[in-house]
Amino acid sequence: MLPPMADYDQFASGEGRRILVVDDDEAVLKGLSDYFSRLGYEVIRAATGKQGLTGFKSQNPDVTILDLRLPDIDGMQILEVMREKKALVILLTGYGDIPTAVKAMQLGAENFLTKPVDLPHLVATVERALEKLDLRRENVRLRQLVPSTRRRMIRIVGALVLVAAALLLGRWIGSVGGTPPALPAIAPVHTTAAPRADSARPAADSQRGAPRGGAAPRR
């Protein structure tokens, strides 16, 4: 018998979540499926181990509620297969004992509950498993984000370096092209005008008429 509707308000909505319920007991399978469906979960049912593995591979549930004793495959074997895919599995059994529970936890079960299971406790266990799943997915997303962010930063830094180099090169070219080359200093040249021919002729004549050697003229 399912709890009254008022009891469902204490739990978070399972909308967008998918769970797989594997149990060969028809009453348990129906009761659990209906209970989680009322909470908004998408429920996949399986009455055998083989059906459970098929549903797990095809539907990729967020959490699996797995009966330990199944008619075709032992629940521990199914748990091992599912844990290879890092599945979140909650084991149910009507024959609970400490060694079995310890083995189940060692194989990676999220929890080990005995029948008749307390439904609010089972829902709380499922919600904790979903929190773990969300954290795992967030970690994966962040690990994928870090390399892309690093590549983006490298591209940005490279672009800034190129821009800076282009600015420096432009300034250098501008400074060289804007200043004319210095010319070498040229010493001034002083020129003396050549004497005129007519002015030089009387001087020559006077020199011819003058006595040589400073001798006095004859009387």
C-alpha atoms as a PDB file:
ATOM      1  CA  MET A   1       0.000   0.000   0.000  1.00  0.00           C
ATOM      2  CA  LEU A   2       1.371   3.394  -0.984  1.00  0.00           C
ATOM      3  CA  PRO A   3       1.587   6.301   1.479  1.00  0.00           C
ATOM      4  CA  PRO A   4      -0.991   9.105   1.267  1.00  0.00           C
ATOM      5  CA  MET A   5      -0.271  11.919  -1.154  1.00  0.00           C
ATOM      6  CA  ALA A   6       0.562  14.339   1.664  1.00  0.00           C
ATOM      7  CA  ASP A   7       3.683  12.311   2.464  1.00  0.00           C
ATOM      8  CA  TYR A   8       5.142  13.001  -0.970  1.00  0.00           C
ATOM      9  CA  ASP A   9       5.581  16.717  -0.252  1.00  0.00           C
ATOM     10  CA  GLN A  10       8.633  16.109   1.943  1.00  0.00           C
ATOM     11  CA  PHE A  11      10.685  14.919  -1.025  1.00  0.00           C
ATOM     12  CA  ALA A  12      12.197  16.821  -3.911  1.00  0.00           C
ATOM     13  CA  SER A  13      10.603  16.359  -7.293  1.00  0.00           C
ATOM     14  CA  GLY A  14      12.091  13.582  -9.353  1.00  0.00           C
ATOM     15  CA  GLU A  15      11.231  15.322 -12.612  1.00  0.00           C
ATOM     16  CA  GLY A  16      13.940  14.768 -15.180  1.00  0.00           C
ATOM     17  CA  ARG A  17      15.361  11.826 -13.215  1.00  0.00           C
ATOM     18  CA  ARG A  18      15.309   8.224 -14.373  1.00  0.00           C
ATOM     19  CA  ILE A  19      15.504   5.168 -12.136  1.00  0.00           C
ATOM     20  CA  LEU A  20      15.581   1.474 -12.881  1.00  0.00           C
ATOM     21  CA  VAL A  21      13.779  -0.926 -10.526  1.00  0.00           C
ATOM     22  CA  VAL A  22      14.753  -4.603 -10.801  1.00  0.00           C
ATOM     23  CA  ASP A  23      12.763  -7.049  -8.657  1.00  0.00           C
ATOM     24  CA  ASP A  24      11.155 -10.414  -9.366  1.00  0.00           C
ATOM     25  CA  ASP A  25       8.431  -9.813  -6.771  1.00  0.00           C
ATOM     26  CA  GLU A  26       5.565  -8.346  -8.775  1.00  0.00           C
ATOM     27  CA  ALA A  27       3.999  -6.562  -5.788  1.00  0.00           C
ATOM     28  CA  VAL A  28       7.297  -4.959  -4.776  1.00  0.00           C
ATOM     29  CA  LEU A  29       8.080  -4.013  -8.373  1.00  0.00           C
ATOM     30  CA  LYS A  30       4.697  -2.344  -8.833  1.00  0.00           C
ATOM     31  CA  GLY A  31       4.725  -0.641  -5.437  1.00  0.00           C
ATOM     32  CA  LEU A  32       8.165   0.882  -5.871  1.00  0.00           C
ATOM     33  CA  SER A  33       7.486   1.908  -9.459  1.00  0.00           C
ATOM     34  CA  ASP A  34       4.197   3.609  -8.598  1.00  0.00           C
ATOM     35  CA  TYR A  35       5.711   5.335  -5.582  1.00  0.00           C
ATOM     36  CA  PHE A  36       8.580   6.886  -7.511  1.00  0.00           C
ATOM     37  CA  SER A  37       6.312   7.725 -10.432  1.00  0.00           C
ATOM     38  CA  ARG A  38       4.172   9.826  -8.088  1.00  0.00           C
ATOM     39  CA  LEU A  39       7.311  11.705  -7.102  1.00  0.00           C
ATOM     40  CA  GLY A  40       7.892  12.604 -10.736  1.00  0.00           C
ATOM     41  CA  TYR A  41      10.562  10.034 -11.586  1.00  0.00           C
ATOM     42  CA  GLU A  42      10.685   8.232 -14.885  1.00  0.00           C
ATOM     43  CA  VAL A  43      10.659   4.577 -13.846  1.00  0.00           C
ATOM     44  CA  ILE A  44      11.935   1.596 -15.837  1.00  0.00           C
ATOM     45  CA  ARG A  45      10.736  -1.788 -14.605  1.00  0.00           C
ATOM     46  CA  ALA A  46      12.512  -5.128 -14.881  1.00  0.00           C
ATOM     47  CA  ALA A  47      11.382  -8.458 -13.377  1.00  0.00           C
ATOM     48  CA  THR A  48      14.576 -10.406 -14.142  1.00  0.00           C
ATOM     49  CA  GLY A  49      18.288  -9.825 -14.113  1.00  0.00           C
ATOM     50  CA  LYS A  50      18.485 -10.052 -17.886  1.00  0.00           C
ATOM     51  CA  GLN A  51      15.734  -7.463 -18.317  1.00  0.00           C
ATOM     52  CA  GLY A  52      17.501  -5.290 -15.795  1.00  0.00           C
ATOM     53  CA  LEU A  53      20.799  -5.370 -17.706  1.00  0.00           C
ATOM     54  CA  THR A  54      18.989  -4.674 -20.973  1.00  0.00           C
ATOM     55  CA  GLY A  55      17.152  -1.701 -19.456  1.00  0.00           C
ATOM     56  CA  PHE A  56      20.360  -0.423 -17.890  1.00  0.00           C
ATOM     57  CA  LYS A  57      22.270  -0.475 -21.181  1.00  0.00           C
ATOM     58  CA  SER A  58      19.455   1.011 -23.260  1.00  0.00           C
ATOM     59  CA  GLN A  59      17.985   3.580 -20.850  1.00  0.00           C
ATOM     60  CA  ASN A  60      21.054   4.712 -18.881  1.00  0.00           C
ATOM     61  CA  PRO A  61      19.234   5.308 -15.570  1.00  0.00           C
ATOM     62  CA  ASP A  62      20.505   7.754 -12.978  1.00  0.00           C
ATOM     63  CA  VAL A  63      19.977   5.285 -10.139  1.00  0.00           C
ATOM     64  CA  THR A  64      19.203   1.547 -10.066  1.00  0.00           C
ATOM     65  CA  ILE A  65      17.236  -0.178  -7.287  1.00  0.00           C
ATOM     66  CA  LEU A  66      18.285  -3.808  -7.523  1.00  0.00           C
ATOM     67  CA  ASP A  67      16.950  -6.898  -5.756  1.00  0.00           C
ATOM     68  CA  LEU A  68      19.740  -9.187  -4.566  1.00  0.00           C
ATOM     69  CA  ARG A  69      17.906 -12.456  -5.274  1.00  0.00           C
ATOM     70  CA  LEU A  70      16.713 -12.814  -8.846  1.00  0.00           C
ATOM     71  CA  PRO A  71      15.578 -15.981 -10.658  1.00  0.00           C
ATOM     72  CA  ASP A  72      18.129 -15.877 -13.490  1.00  0.00           C
ATOM     73  CA  ILE A  73      21.191 -13.861 -12.421  1.00  0.00           C
ATOM     74  CA  ASP A  74      22.588 -13.199  -8.952  1.00  0.00           C
ATOM     75  CA  GLY A  75      22.231  -9.571  -7.908  1.00  0.00           C
ATOM     76  CA  MET A  76      25.924  -9.366  -6.973  1.00  0.00           C
ATOM     77  CA  GLN A  77      26.917 -10.270 -10.537  1.00  0.00           C
ATOM     78  CA  ILE A  78      24.611  -7.593 -11.911  1.00  0.00           C
ATOM     79  CA  LEU A  79      26.085  -5.123  -9.449  1.00  0.00           C
ATOM     80  CA  GLU A  80      29.598  -5.870 -10.696  1.00  0.00           C
ATOM     81  CA  VAL A  81      28.551  -5.341 -14.319  1.00  0.00           C
ATOM     82  CA  MET A  82      26.799  -2.069 -13.537  1.00  0.00           C
ATOM     83  CA  ARG A  83      29.647  -0.742 -11.424  1.00  0.00           C
ATOM     84  CA  GLU A  84      32.007  -1.133 -14.376  1.00  0.00           C
ATOM     85  CA  LYS A  85      29.924   1.664 -15.907  1.00  0.00           C
ATOM     86  CA  LYS A  86      30.080   3.614 -12.628  1.00  0.00           C
ATOM     87  CA  ALA A  87      26.372   3.093 -12.014  1.00  0.00           C
ATOM     88  CA  LEU A  88      24.719   4.135  -8.760  1.00  0.00           C
ATOM     89  CA  VAL A  89      23.079   0.981  -7.372  1.00  0.00           C
ATOM     90  CA  ILE A  90      20.983   0.474  -4.235  1.00  0.00           C
ATOM     91  CA  LEU A  91      20.600  -3.172  -3.244  1.00  0.00           C
ATOM     92  CA  LEU A  92      17.439  -4.602  -1.689  1.00  0.00           C
ATOM     93  CA  THR A  93      17.183  -8.010  -0.058  1.00  0.00           C
ATOM     94  CA  GLY A  94      14.831 -10.017   2.140  1.00  0.00           C
ATOM     95  CA  TYR A  95      17.755 -11.974   3.524  1.00  0.00           C
ATOM     96  CA  GLY A  96      19.961  -9.325   4.988  1.00  0.00           C
ATOM     97  CA  ASP A  97      23.154 -10.346   6.731  1.00  0.00           C
ATOM     98  CA  ILE A  98      26.317  -8.465   7.577  1.00  0.00           C
ATOM     99  CA  PRO A  99      28.773 -10.397   5.329  1.00  0.00           C
ATOM    100  CA  THR A 100      26.505  -9.897   2.311  1.00  0.00           C
ATOM    101  CA  ALA A 101      26.090  -6.217   3.073  1.00  0.00           C
ATOM    102  CA  VAL A 102      29.847  -5.777   3.457  1.00  0.00           C
ATOM    103  CA  LYS A 103      30.481  -7.513   0.145  1.00  0.00           C
ATOM    104  CA  ALA A 104      27.872  -5.370  -1.585  1.00  0.00           C
ATOM    105  CA  MET A 105      29.454  -2.180  -0.298  1.00  0.00           C
ATOM    106  CA  GLN A 106      32.898  -3.394  -1.338  1.00  0.00           C
ATOM    107  CA  LEU A 107      31.574  -3.959  -4.843  1.00  0.00           C
ATOM    108  CA  GLY A 108      30.386  -0.371  -4.953  1.00  0.00           C
ATOM    109  CA  ALA A 109      26.729  -0.418  -3.877  1.00  0.00           C
ATOM    110  CA  GLU A 110      25.465   2.955  -2.649  1.00  0.00           C
ATOM    111  CA  ASN A 111      23.464   1.276   0.105  1.00  0.00           C
ATOM    112  CA  PHE A 112      22.146  -2.083   1.219  1.00  0.00           C
ATOM    113  CA  LEU A 113      18.539  -2.110   2.484  1.00  0.00           C
ATOM    114  CA  THR A 114      16.438  -4.980   3.809  1.00  0.00           C
ATOM    115  CA  LYS A 115      12.833  -5.704   2.951  1.00  0.00           C
ATOM    116  CA  PRO A 116      10.227  -4.618   3.770  1.00  0.00           C
ATOM    117  CA  VAL A 117      11.937  -1.385   2.893  1.00  0.00           C
ATOM    118  CA  ASP A 118      10.955   1.914   4.459  1.00  0.00           C
ATOM    119  CA  LEU A 119       9.895   3.990   1.459  1.00  0.00           C
ATOM    120  CA  PRO A 120      10.870   7.462   2.795  1.00  0.00           C
ATOM    121  CA  HIS A 121      14.265   6.053   3.735  1.00  0.00           C
ATOM    122  CA  LEU A 122      14.630   4.560   0.245  1.00  0.00           C
ATOM    123  CA  VAL A 123      13.747   7.898  -1.375  1.00  0.00           C
ATOM    124  CA  ALA A 124      16.271   9.703   0.819  1.00  0.00           C
ATOM    125  CA  THR A 125      18.894   7.154  -0.248  1.00  0.00           C
ATOM    126  CA  VAL A 126      18.036   7.735  -3.897  1.00  0.00           C
ATOM    127  CA  GLU A 127      18.272  11.502  -3.436  1.00  0.00           C
ATOM    128  CA  ARG A 128      21.743  11.199  -1.867  1.00  0.00           C
ATOM    129  CA  ALA A 129      22.835   9.053  -4.787  1.00  0.00           C
ATOM    130  CA  LEU A 130      21.525  11.691  -7.199  1.00  0.00           C
ATOM    131  CA  GLU A 131      23.475  14.407  -5.364  1.00  0.00           C
ATOM    132  CA  LYS A 132      26.589  12.296  -5.807  1.00  0.00           C
ATOM    133  CA  LEU A 133      25.775  11.893  -9.506  1.00  0.00           C
ATOM    134  CA  ASP A 134      25.308  15.647  -9.950  1.00  0.00           C
ATOM    135  CA  LEU A 135      28.634  16.312  -8.249  1.00  0.00           C
ATOM    136  CA  ARG A 136      30.356  13.768 -10.487  1.00  0.00           C
ATOM    137  CA  ARG A 137      28.887  15.327 -13.617  1.00  0.00           C
ATOM    138  CA  GLU A 138      29.894  18.811 -12.470  1.00  0.00           C
ATOM    139  CA  ASN A 139      33.459  17.644 -11.897  1.00  0.00           C
ATOM    140  CA  VAL A 140      33.562  16.171 -15.388  1.00  0.00           C
ATOM    141  CA  ARG A 141      32.237  19.418 -16.838  1.00  0.00           C
ATOM    142  CA  LEU A 142      34.847  21.458 -14.978  1.00  0.00           C
ATOM    143  CA  ARG A 143      37.676  19.190 -16.102  1.00  0.00           C
ATOM    144  CA  GLN A 144      36.529  19.649 -19.673  1.00  0.00           C
ATOM    145  CA  LEU A 145      36.250  23.383 -19.159  1.00  0.00           C
ATOM    146  CA  VAL A 146      39.765  23.915 -17.797  1.00  0.00           C
ATOM    147  CA  PRO A 147      41.663  22.902 -20.987  1.00  0.00           C
ATOM    148  CA  SER A 148      39.381  24.983 -23.196  1.00  0.00           C
ATOM    149  CA  THR A 149      39.785  27.977 -20.859  1.00  0.00           C
ATOM    150  CA  ARG A 150      43.549  27.510 -20.902  1.00  0.00           C
ATOM    151  CA  ARG A 151      43.583  27.410 -24.693  1.00  0.00           C
ATOM    152  CA  ARG A 152      41.414  30.524 -24.795  1.00  0.00           C
ATOM    153  CA  MET A 153      43.750  32.385 -22.435  1.00  0.00           C
ATOM    154  CA  ILE A 154      46.769  31.375 -24.513  1.00  0.00           C
ATOM    155  CA  ARG A 155      45.084  32.731 -27.626  1.00  0.00           C
ATOM    156  CA  ILE A 156      44.210  35.984 -25.852  1.00  0.00           C
ATOM    157  CA  VAL A 157      47.743  36.450 -24.527  1.00  0.00           C
ATOM    158  CA  GLY A 158      49.179  35.684 -27.964  1.00  0.00           C
ATOM    159  CA  ALA A 159      46.876  38.240 -29.565  1.00  0.00           C
ATOM    160  CA  LEU A 160      47.882  40.881 -26.995  1.00  0.00           C
ATOM    161  CA  VAL A 161      51.553  40.190 -27.646  1.00  0.00           C
ATOM    162  CA  LEU A 162      51.027  40.617 -31.381  1.00  0.00           C
ATOM    163  CA  VAL A 163      49.134  43.873 -30.878  1.00  0.00           C
ATOM    164  CA  ALA A 164      51.853  45.223 -28.583  1.00  0.00           C
ATOM    165  CA  ALA A 165      54.537  44.231 -31.070  1.00  0.00           C
ATOM    166  CA  ALA A 166      52.635  45.914 -33.904  1.00  0.00           C
ATOM    167  CA  LEU A 167      52.302  49.152 -31.887  1.00  0.00           C
ATOM    168  CA  LEU A 168      55.997  49.204 -31.030  1.00  0.00           C
ATOM    169  CA  LEU A 169      56.937  48.541 -34.646  1.00  0.00           C
ATOM    170  CA  GLY A 170      54.636  51.324 -35.823  1.00  0.00           C
ATOM    171  CA  ARG A 171      56.180  53.801 -33.390  1.00  0.00           C
ATOM    172  CA  TRP A 172      59.683  52.876 -34.488  1.00  0.00           C
ATOM    173  CA  ILE A 173      58.855  53.241 -38.181  1.00  0.00           C
ATOM    174  CA  GLY A 174      57.169  56.593 -37.504  1.00  0.00           C
ATOM    175  CA  SER A 175      60.153  57.946 -35.616  1.00  0.00           C
ATOM    176  CA  VAL A 176      62.577  56.925 -38.383  1.00  0.00           C
ATOM    177  CA  GLY A 177      60.436  58.199 -41.246  1.00  0.00           C
ATOM    178  CA  GLY A 178      59.514  61.535 -39.593  1.00  0.00           C
ATOM    179  CA  THR A 179      63.081  62.841 -38.996  1.00  0.00           C
ATOM    180  CA  PRO A 180      65.121  63.827 -42.124  1.00  0.00           C
ATOM    181  CA  PRO A 181      68.667  62.473 -42.233  1.00  0.00           C
ATOM    182  CA  ALA A 182      71.325  64.868 -40.976  1.00  0.00           C
ATOM    183  CA  LEU A 183      73.539  66.341 -43.694  1.00  0.00           C
ATOM    184  CA  PRO A 184      77.313  66.710 -43.122  1.00  0.00           C
ATOM    185  CA  ALA A 185      78.510  70.257 -42.356  1.00  0.00           C
ATOM    186  CA  ILE A 186      80.207  72.026 -45.292  1.00  0.00           C
ATOM    187  CA  ALA A 187      82.981  74.533 -44.573  1.00  0.00           C
ATOM    188  CA  PRO A 188      82.448  77.985 -46.151  1.00  0.00           C
ATOM    189  CA  VAL A 189      84.579  78.755 -49.252  1.00  0.00           C
ATOM    190  CA  HIS A 190      86.013  82.280 -49.612  1.00  0.00           C
ATOM    191  CA  THR A 191      86.819  83.350 -53.253  1.00  0.00           C
ATOM    192  CA  THR A 192      89.098  86.255 -54.379  1.00  0.00           C
ATOM    193  CA  ALA A 193      88.199  88.062 -57.556  1.00  0.00           C
ATOM    194  CA  ALA A 194      90.880  87.964 -60.314  1.00  0.00           C
ATOM    195  CA  PRO A 195      92.437  91.348 -61.206  1.00  0.00           C
ATOM    196  CA  ARG A 196      91.238  93.059 -64.328  1.00  0.00           C
ATOM    197  CA  ALA A 197      93.590  93.193 -67.318  1.00  0.00           C
ATOM    198  CA  ASP A 198      93.469  96.994 -67.784  1.00  0.00           C
ATOM    199  CA  SER A 199      94.317  97.676 -64.153  1.00  0.00           C
ATOM    200  CA  ALA A 200      97.288  95.303 -64.244  1.00  0.00           C
ATOM    201  CA  ARG A 201      98.850  96.911 -67.355  1.00  0.00           C
ATOM    202  CA  PRO A 202      99.991 100.274 -65.762  1.00  0.00           C
ATOM    203  CA  ALA A 203     101.568  98.424 -62.968  1.00  0.00           C
ATOM    204  CA  ALA A 204     103.562  96.397 -65.411  1.00  0.00           C
ATOM    205  CA  ASP A 205     104.628  99.501 -67.304  1.00  0.00           C
ATOM    206  CA  SER A 206     105.753 101.186 -64.156  1.00  0.00           C
ATOM    207  CA  GLN A 207     107.788  98.165 -63.284  1.00  0.00           C
ATOM    208  CA  ARG A 208     109.554  98.289 -66.677  1.00  0.00           C
ATOM    209  CA  GLY A 209     110.450 101.941 -66.206  1.00  0.00           C
ATOM    210  CA  ALA A 210     111.878 101.470 -62.766  1.00  0.00           C
ATOM    211  CA  PRO A 211     115.660 100.975 -62.462  1.00  0.00           C
ATOM    212  CA  ARG A 212     116.848  97.503 -61.630  1.00  0.00           C
ATOM    213  CA  GLY A 213     118.816  96.640 -58.570  1.00  0.00           C
ATOM    214  CA  GLY A 214     117.965  99.980 -57.002  1.00  0.00           C
ATOM    215  CA  ALA A 215     120.637 101.864 -59.059  1.00  0.00           C
ATOM    216  CA  ALA A 216     120.256 105.601 -59.306  1.00  0.00           C
ATOM    217  CA  PRO A 217     119.479 107.011 -62.689  1.00  0.00           C
ATOM    218  CA  ARG A 218     122.346 108.411 -64.790  1.00  0.00           C
ATOM    219  CA  ARG A 219     122.778 112.116 -65.147  1.00  0.00           C
END
